[in-house]
Protein backbone atom coordinates (compact mmCIF):
# COMPACT_ATOMS: atom_id res chain seq x y z
CA UNK A 1 20.02 -29.65 3.88
CA UNK A 2 17.94 -28.56 6.87
CA UNK A 3 14.42 -29.46 7.89
CA UNK A 4 11.91 -27.76 10.16
CA UNK A 5 8.18 -27.31 10.58
CA UNK A 6 6.45 -23.94 10.49
CA UNK A 7 2.94 -23.19 11.73
CA UNK A 8 0.72 -20.46 10.38
CA UNK A 9 -2.38 -18.89 11.88
CA UNK A 10 -4.62 -20.06 9.06
CA UNK A 11 -3.57 -23.71 9.07
CA UNK A 12 -2.41 -24.45 12.62
CA UNK A 13 -5.35 -26.80 13.26
CA UNK A 14 -4.37 -29.16 10.46
CA UNK A 15 -1.30 -31.19 9.54
CA UNK A 16 1.82 -29.15 8.90
CA UNK A 17 4.34 -29.62 6.08
CA UNK A 18 8.04 -30.06 6.74
CA UNK A 19 10.29 -27.33 5.33
CA UNK A 20 13.51 -28.42 3.61
CA UNK A 21 16.26 -26.39 1.97
CA UNK A 22 17.93 -27.86 -1.12
CA UNK A 23 21.25 -26.48 -2.39
CA UNK A 24 21.17 -25.44 -6.05
CA UNK A 25 23.57 -23.66 -8.39
CA UNK A 26 23.35 -20.66 -10.71
CA UNK A 27 25.99 -18.78 -12.68
CA UNK A 28 26.30 -16.46 -9.67
CA UNK A 29 27.00 -19.28 -7.20
CA UNK A 30 25.07 -21.51 -4.81
CA UNK A 31 21.61 -20.74 -3.44
CA UNK A 32 19.01 -22.56 -1.38
CA UNK A 33 15.59 -23.54 -2.69
CA UNK A 34 12.92 -24.18 -0.07
CA UNK A 35 10.67 -27.22 -0.40
CA UNK A 36 7.50 -27.92 1.60
CA UNK A 37 6.87 -31.64 2.05
CA UNK A 38 3.61 -33.41 2.84
CA UNK A 39 3.23 -37.17 3.38
CA UNK A 40 6.95 -37.93 3.64
CA UNK A 41 6.32 -41.62 4.40
CA UNK A 42 3.89 -42.22 1.53
CA UNK A 43 4.66 -44.35 -1.50
CA UNK A 44 3.70 -43.92 -5.13
CA UNK A 45 4.72 -41.27 -7.65
CA UNK A 46 5.73 -38.00 -6.05
CA UNK A 47 3.58 -34.91 -6.71
CA UNK A 48 5.48 -31.66 -7.28
CA UNK A 49 3.62 -28.34 -7.11
CA UNK A 50 5.11 -25.09 -8.44
CA UNK A 51 3.55 -21.63 -8.16
CA UNK A 52 3.24 -18.54 -10.33
CA UNK A 53 5.52 -15.56 -10.89
CA UNK A 54 5.34 -13.79 -7.51
CA UNK A 55 3.64 -16.50 -5.48
CA UNK A 56 5.10 -19.20 -3.21
CA UNK A 57 4.70 -22.86 -2.36
CA UNK A 58 2.14 -22.48 0.41
CA UNK A 59 -0.47 -21.59 -2.22
CA UNK A 60 -0.85 -25.37 -2.63
CA UNK A 61 -1.52 -26.21 1.04
CA UNK A 62 -5.11 -27.30 0.48
CA UNK A 63 -4.32 -29.46 -2.57
CA UNK A 64 -1.21 -30.93 -0.93
CA UNK A 65 -3.06 -31.86 2.25
CA UNK A 66 -5.82 -33.47 0.18
CA UNK A 67 -3.35 -35.56 -1.81
CA UNK A 68 -1.36 -36.52 1.30
CA UNK A 69 -4.55 -37.76 2.96
CA UNK A 70 -4.91 -40.08 -0.03
CA UNK A 71 -1.44 -41.53 0.31
CA UNK A 72 0.65 -39.26 -1.91
CA UNK A 73 3.93 -37.61 -1.03
CA UNK A 74 3.82 -33.97 -2.13
CA UNK A 75 6.59 -31.40 -2.55
CA UNK A 76 5.63 -27.75 -3.01
CA UNK A 77 8.59 -25.67 -4.16
CA UNK A 78 9.34 -22.02 -3.43
CA UNK A 79 11.05 -20.96 -6.64
CA UNK A 80 14.33 -19.14 -6.05
CA UNK A 81 13.62 -15.52 -5.16
CA UNK A 82 10.26 -16.40 -3.58
CA UNK A 83 8.88 -17.62 -0.28
CA UNK A 84 11.61 -18.98 2.00
CA UNK A 85 14.11 -19.57 -0.83
CA UNK A 86 17.23 -17.46 -1.28
CA UNK A 87 17.35 -14.49 -3.64
CA UNK A 88 19.78 -14.65 -6.54
CA UNK A 89 22.82 -12.38 -6.50
CA UNK A 90 22.25 -11.69 -10.21
CA UNK A 91 18.54 -11.00 -10.87
CA UNK A 92 19.01 -11.60 -14.60
CA UNK A 93 19.29 -15.30 -13.72
CA UNK A 94 15.57 -15.43 -12.85
CA UNK A 95 14.53 -17.36 -15.96
CA UNK A 96 13.04 -20.67 -17.08
CA UNK A 97 16.35 -22.49 -17.51
CA UNK A 98 17.36 -21.67 -13.92
CA UNK A 99 13.99 -22.69 -12.52
CA UNK A 100 14.07 -25.98 -14.44
CA UNK A 101 17.63 -26.71 -13.27
CA UNK A 102 16.64 -26.01 -9.66
CA UNK A 103 13.58 -28.24 -9.96
CA UNK A 104 15.73 -31.04 -11.36
CA UNK A 105 18.05 -30.66 -8.35
CA UNK A 106 15.02 -30.99 -6.06
CA UNK A 107 13.93 -34.17 -7.86
CA UNK A 108 17.43 -35.60 -7.41
CA UNK A 109 17.37 -34.67 -3.72
CA UNK A 110 13.98 -36.40 -3.40
CA UNK A 111 15.28 -39.53 -5.21
CA UNK A 112 12.31 -39.30 -7.57
CA UNK A 113 12.41 -41.26 -10.83
CA UNK A 114 8.96 -40.10 -11.85
CA UNK A 115 6.68 -37.33 -10.65
CA UNK A 116 3.28 -35.83 -11.26
CA UNK A 117 3.63 -32.09 -11.80
CA UNK A 118 1.09 -29.39 -10.91
CA UNK A 119 2.16 -25.97 -12.17
CA UNK A 120 0.30 -22.67 -11.94
CA UNK A 121 1.26 -20.10 -14.58
CA UNK A 122 5.09 -19.87 -14.43
CA UNK A 123 5.17 -23.17 -12.54
CA UNK A 124 3.37 -24.79 -15.46
CA UNK A 125 5.96 -23.46 -17.89
CA UNK A 126 8.71 -24.99 -15.74
CA UNK A 127 6.91 -28.34 -15.83
CA UNK A 128 6.39 -28.09 -19.58
CA UNK A 129 10.09 -27.35 -20.04
CA UNK A 130 11.09 -30.46 -18.09
CA UNK A 131 8.50 -32.68 -19.77
CA UNK A 132 9.76 -31.66 -23.22
CA UNK A 133 13.43 -32.50 -22.68
CA UNK A 134 15.07 -35.37 -24.62
CA UNK A 135 15.60 -38.63 -22.81
CA UNK A 136 13.36 -40.28 -20.23
CA UNK A 137 11.51 -37.35 -18.65
CA UNK A 138 10.64 -37.65 -14.95
CA UNK A 139 7.22 -36.09 -15.61
CA UNK A 140 4.55 -38.80 -15.50
CA UNK A 141 1.48 -36.55 -15.59
CA UNK A 142 1.33 -32.78 -16.04
CA UNK A 143 -1.27 -30.31 -14.79
CA UNK A 144 -1.04 -26.88 -16.43
CA UNK A 145 -3.03 -24.41 -14.36
CA UNK A 146 -4.09 -21.55 -16.63
CA UNK A 147 -1.01 -21.53 -18.80
CA UNK A 148 -0.09 -22.86 -22.21
CA UNK A 149 2.57 -22.55 -24.89
CA UNK A 150 1.36 -19.12 -25.99
CA UNK A 151 0.82 -16.10 -23.69
CA UNK A 152 -0.37 -12.83 -25.25
CA UNK A 153 1.60 -9.65 -24.63
CA UNK A 154 -1.38 -7.81 -23.13
CA UNK A 155 -1.68 -10.37 -20.33
CA UNK A 156 2.03 -10.15 -19.58
CA UNK A 157 1.80 -6.36 -19.55
CA UNK A 158 -1.05 -6.45 -17.02
CA UNK A 159 1.09 -8.46 -14.62
CA UNK A 160 4.09 -6.24 -15.35
CA UNK A 161 2.06 -3.17 -14.45
CA UNK A 162 1.28 -4.35 -10.93
CA UNK A 163 4.84 -5.65 -10.49
CA UNK A 164 6.16 -2.16 -11.20
CA UNK A 165 3.52 -0.32 -9.17
CA UNK A 166 3.08 -2.46 -6.07
CA UNK A 167 4.11 -0.90 -2.73
CA UNK A 168 7.09 -2.50 -1.05
CA UNK A 169 5.87 -2.13 2.54
CA UNK A 170 2.53 -2.20 4.38
CA UNK A 171 1.82 -0.93 7.87
CA UNK A 172 -0.38 -3.89 8.79
CA UNK A 173 -1.14 -7.35 7.49
CA UNK A 174 -4.67 -6.12 6.83
CA UNK A 175 -3.30 -3.42 4.50
CA UNK A 176 -1.25 -6.08 2.70
CA UNK A 177 -4.33 -8.27 2.34
CA UNK A 178 -6.33 -5.40 0.85
CA UNK A 179 -3.65 -4.83 -1.76
CA UNK A 180 -3.42 -8.56 -2.51
CA UNK A 181 -7.18 -8.79 -3.01
CA UNK A 182 -7.01 -5.93 -5.51
CA UNK A 183 -4.11 -7.12 -7.67
CA UNK A 184 -5.22 -10.78 -7.55
CA UNK A 185 -8.89 -10.07 -8.18
CA UNK A 186 -8.86 -12.46 -11.18
CA UNK A 187 -8.42 -15.32 -8.66
CA UNK A 188 -12.19 -15.07 -8.23
CA UNK A 189 -14.42 -15.26 -5.16
CA UNK A 190 -12.47 -16.65 -2.23
CA UNK A 191 -13.41 -16.87 1.42
CA UNK A 192 -11.93 -14.45 3.95
CA UNK A 193 -9.95 -17.39 5.36
CA UNK A 194 -8.51 -18.14 1.92
CA UNK A 195 -7.41 -14.53 1.39
CA UNK A 196 -5.86 -14.42 4.84
CA UNK A 197 -3.99 -17.67 4.16
CA UNK A 198 -2.59 -16.31 0.89
CA UNK A 199 -1.63 -13.06 2.60
CA UNK A 200 0.11 -14.68 5.56
CA UNK A 201 2.39 -16.60 3.24
CA UNK A 202 2.89 -13.76 0.74
CA UNK A 203 4.22 -11.22 3.26
CA UNK A 204 6.52 -11.27 6.27
CA UNK A 205 7.06 -8.90 9.16
CA UNK A 206 10.17 -6.72 8.82
CA UNK A 207 11.82 -6.65 12.28
CA UNK A 208 14.21 -3.85 11.28
CA UNK A 209 12.04 -1.24 9.55
CA UNK A 210 8.63 -2.39 10.76
CA UNK A 211 5.54 -3.22 8.77
CA UNK A 212 5.12 -6.08 6.31
CA UNK A 213 7.04 -6.74 3.10
CA UNK A 214 6.53 -9.16 0.24
CA UNK A 215 8.09 -12.61 0.26
CA UNK A 216 9.65 -12.28 -3.15
CA UNK A 217 12.67 -10.48 -4.54
CA UNK A 218 11.59 -7.10 -5.99
CA UNK A 219 14.42 -7.50 -8.54
CA UNK A 220 12.37 -10.19 -10.32
CA UNK A 221 10.83 -7.30 -12.23
CA UNK A 222 14.18 -6.63 -13.96
CA UNK A 223 14.05 -9.95 -15.80
CA UNK A 224 10.31 -9.72 -16.34
CA UNK A 225 10.61 -6.43 -18.24
CA UNK A 226 11.96 -8.28 -21.27
CA UNK A 227 8.78 -10.41 -21.33
CA UNK A 228 6.04 -7.91 -20.71
CA UNK A 229 5.92 -6.28 -24.15
CA UNK A 230 6.25 -9.49 -26.17
CA UNK A 231 4.08 -12.55 -26.48
CA UNK A 232 5.57 -15.82 -25.22
CA UNK A 233 5.65 -18.54 -27.88
CA UNK A 234 6.63 -22.03 -26.70
CA UNK A 235 4.78 -24.10 -29.31
CA UNK A 236 7.97 -25.99 -30.26
CA UNK A 237 8.49 -26.94 -26.62
CA UNK A 238 4.86 -27.99 -26.31
CA UNK A 239 5.25 -30.23 -29.35
CA UNK A 240 7.77 -32.36 -27.45
CA UNK A 241 5.46 -33.02 -24.48
CA UNK A 242 4.10 -36.56 -24.67
CA UNK A 243 2.86 -37.30 -21.15
CA UNK A 244 -0.85 -37.02 -20.24
CA UNK A 245 -1.78 -33.37 -19.60
CA UNK A 246 -4.69 -31.76 -17.77
CA UNK A 247 -5.17 -28.11 -18.71
CA UNK A 248 -7.15 -25.94 -16.31
CA UNK A 249 -8.42 -22.64 -17.71
CA UNK A 250 -10.04 -19.86 -15.75
CA UNK A 251 -13.31 -18.97 -17.43
CA UNK A 252 -12.30 -15.30 -17.72
CA UNK A 253 -8.57 -15.83 -18.23
CA UNK A 254 -6.62 -13.36 -20.35
CA UNK A 255 -3.51 -15.52 -19.95
CA UNK A 256 -4.70 -18.75 -21.58
CA UNK A 257 -6.96 -17.89 -24.49
CA UNK A 258 -9.63 -20.23 -25.93
CA UNK A 259 -7.93 -20.54 -29.32
CA UNK A 260 -4.70 -21.61 -27.61
CA UNK A 261 -6.59 -24.28 -25.66
CA UNK A 262 -8.27 -25.46 -28.86
CA UNK A 263 -4.89 -25.93 -30.54
CA UNK A 264 -3.48 -27.73 -27.48
CA UNK A 265 -6.42 -30.13 -27.58
CA UNK A 266 -5.46 -31.44 -31.01
CA UNK A 267 -3.16 -33.85 -29.15
CA UNK A 268 -5.01 -36.90 -27.83
CA UNK A 269 -3.10 -36.91 -24.53
CA UNK A 270 -4.59 -33.55 -23.45
CA UNK A 271 -7.69 -32.98 -21.31
CA UNK A 272 -9.18 -29.55 -20.58
CA UNK A 273 -11.29 -28.30 -17.71
CA UNK A 274 -12.67 -24.76 -17.64
CA UNK A 275 -13.00 -23.34 -14.14
CA UNK A 276 -15.99 -21.00 -13.71
CA UNK A 277 -15.92 -17.76 -11.77
CA UNK A 278 -12.25 -16.85 -12.15
CA UNK A 279 -9.62 -15.56 -14.53
CA UNK A 280 -5.88 -16.00 -14.14
CA UNK A 281 -5.55 -18.23 -12.28
CA UNK A 282 -7.63 -20.83 -10.41
CA UNK A 283 -6.29 -21.00 -6.86
CA UNK A 284 -6.78 -24.76 -6.32
CA UNK A 285 -8.20 -23.89 -2.90
CA UNK A 286 -11.91 -24.79 -3.39
CA UNK A 287 -12.83 -28.47 -3.32
CA UNK A 288 -14.43 -28.13 -6.77
CA UNK A 289 -10.99 -27.29 -8.19
CA UNK A 290 -9.04 -29.81 -6.11
CA UNK A 291 -11.11 -32.90 -6.91
CA UNK A 292 -10.55 -33.02 -10.70
CA UNK A 293 -6.81 -32.52 -10.23
CA UNK A 294 -6.66 -35.31 -7.65
CA UNK A 295 -8.68 -37.55 -9.94
CA UNK A 296 -6.36 -36.91 -12.89
CA UNK A 297 -3.32 -37.76 -10.75
CA UNK A 298 -4.84 -40.93 -9.28
CA UNK A 299 -4.09 -43.31 -12.17
CA UNK A 300 -1.78 -46.25 -11.35
CA UNK A 301 1.94 -45.63 -11.69
CA UNK A 302 2.32 -48.30 -14.36
CA UNK A 303 0.27 -46.28 -16.87
CA UNK A 304 3.05 -43.72 -17.19
CA UNK A 305 5.63 -46.35 -18.03
CA UNK A 306 3.38 -47.83 -20.69
CA UNK A 307 2.86 -44.37 -22.15
CA UNK A 308 6.57 -43.61 -22.11
CA UNK A 309 7.27 -46.74 -24.09
CA UNK A 310 5.24 -45.48 -27.05
CA UNK A 311 7.26 -44.14 -30.01
CA UNK A 312 7.71 -40.36 -30.07
């Protein structure tokens, strides 16, 4: 395991996370998963943040810094194939079981018995998968950011379309930002600084061929193709989740539909917050989105243990 600190132009004035690399295992061999850590010396339940399909852990910088200022240790994971993590030798291994296994390895590395999980889109599905497993789950509280146990095929196709069509290289970072603003328009109205922050961590300079390239494995699309024409149905998995859940839904989301949210709310351990002005998915960059998440995660650690003791 190695550790270093990386500065970026958009966040150099504030505190910087430490970057760790955790060794994980797939059917194709070992790979490294990168983990960004905030508040390493803080006590209390760990907060784990996991991003969406083609995103990376630095999407959570604003939320992580906010939580660290309030005494929480935060780990933001780059899923394998994204950010600073390794790419898998076999792209067909980019699936939920692999992501959940990698996340469990990160929790073991962090010596975490219980965690609060914040997952956007795919990251929420990984958290749901872990929270639903038999035995004492490490998930104390779960935030599902614009994702639920049912995802309609048309939403998956929309994402598949831009995965297949997106250029692989941009001449300048400004060109990359323009493309990012177009394909992620459902994120809603963000400041220029927010878009630049997302861009800086979504692309890297290519010292060999020049220009800027994405920070995720283009081969992810190979596994995604088997999703994009079918709806995702994880209602059985959802039925095994017993921890307190906060569901965030973008007001204009095509990914998490109102009828799905209504069905999720039949469980008394679920809260819902609709986020105005965006679709899929809220970025958790504005203070108005950060504060309710921080409030939901601020309950004393003992409440999770009491909840876990209840019969399933």
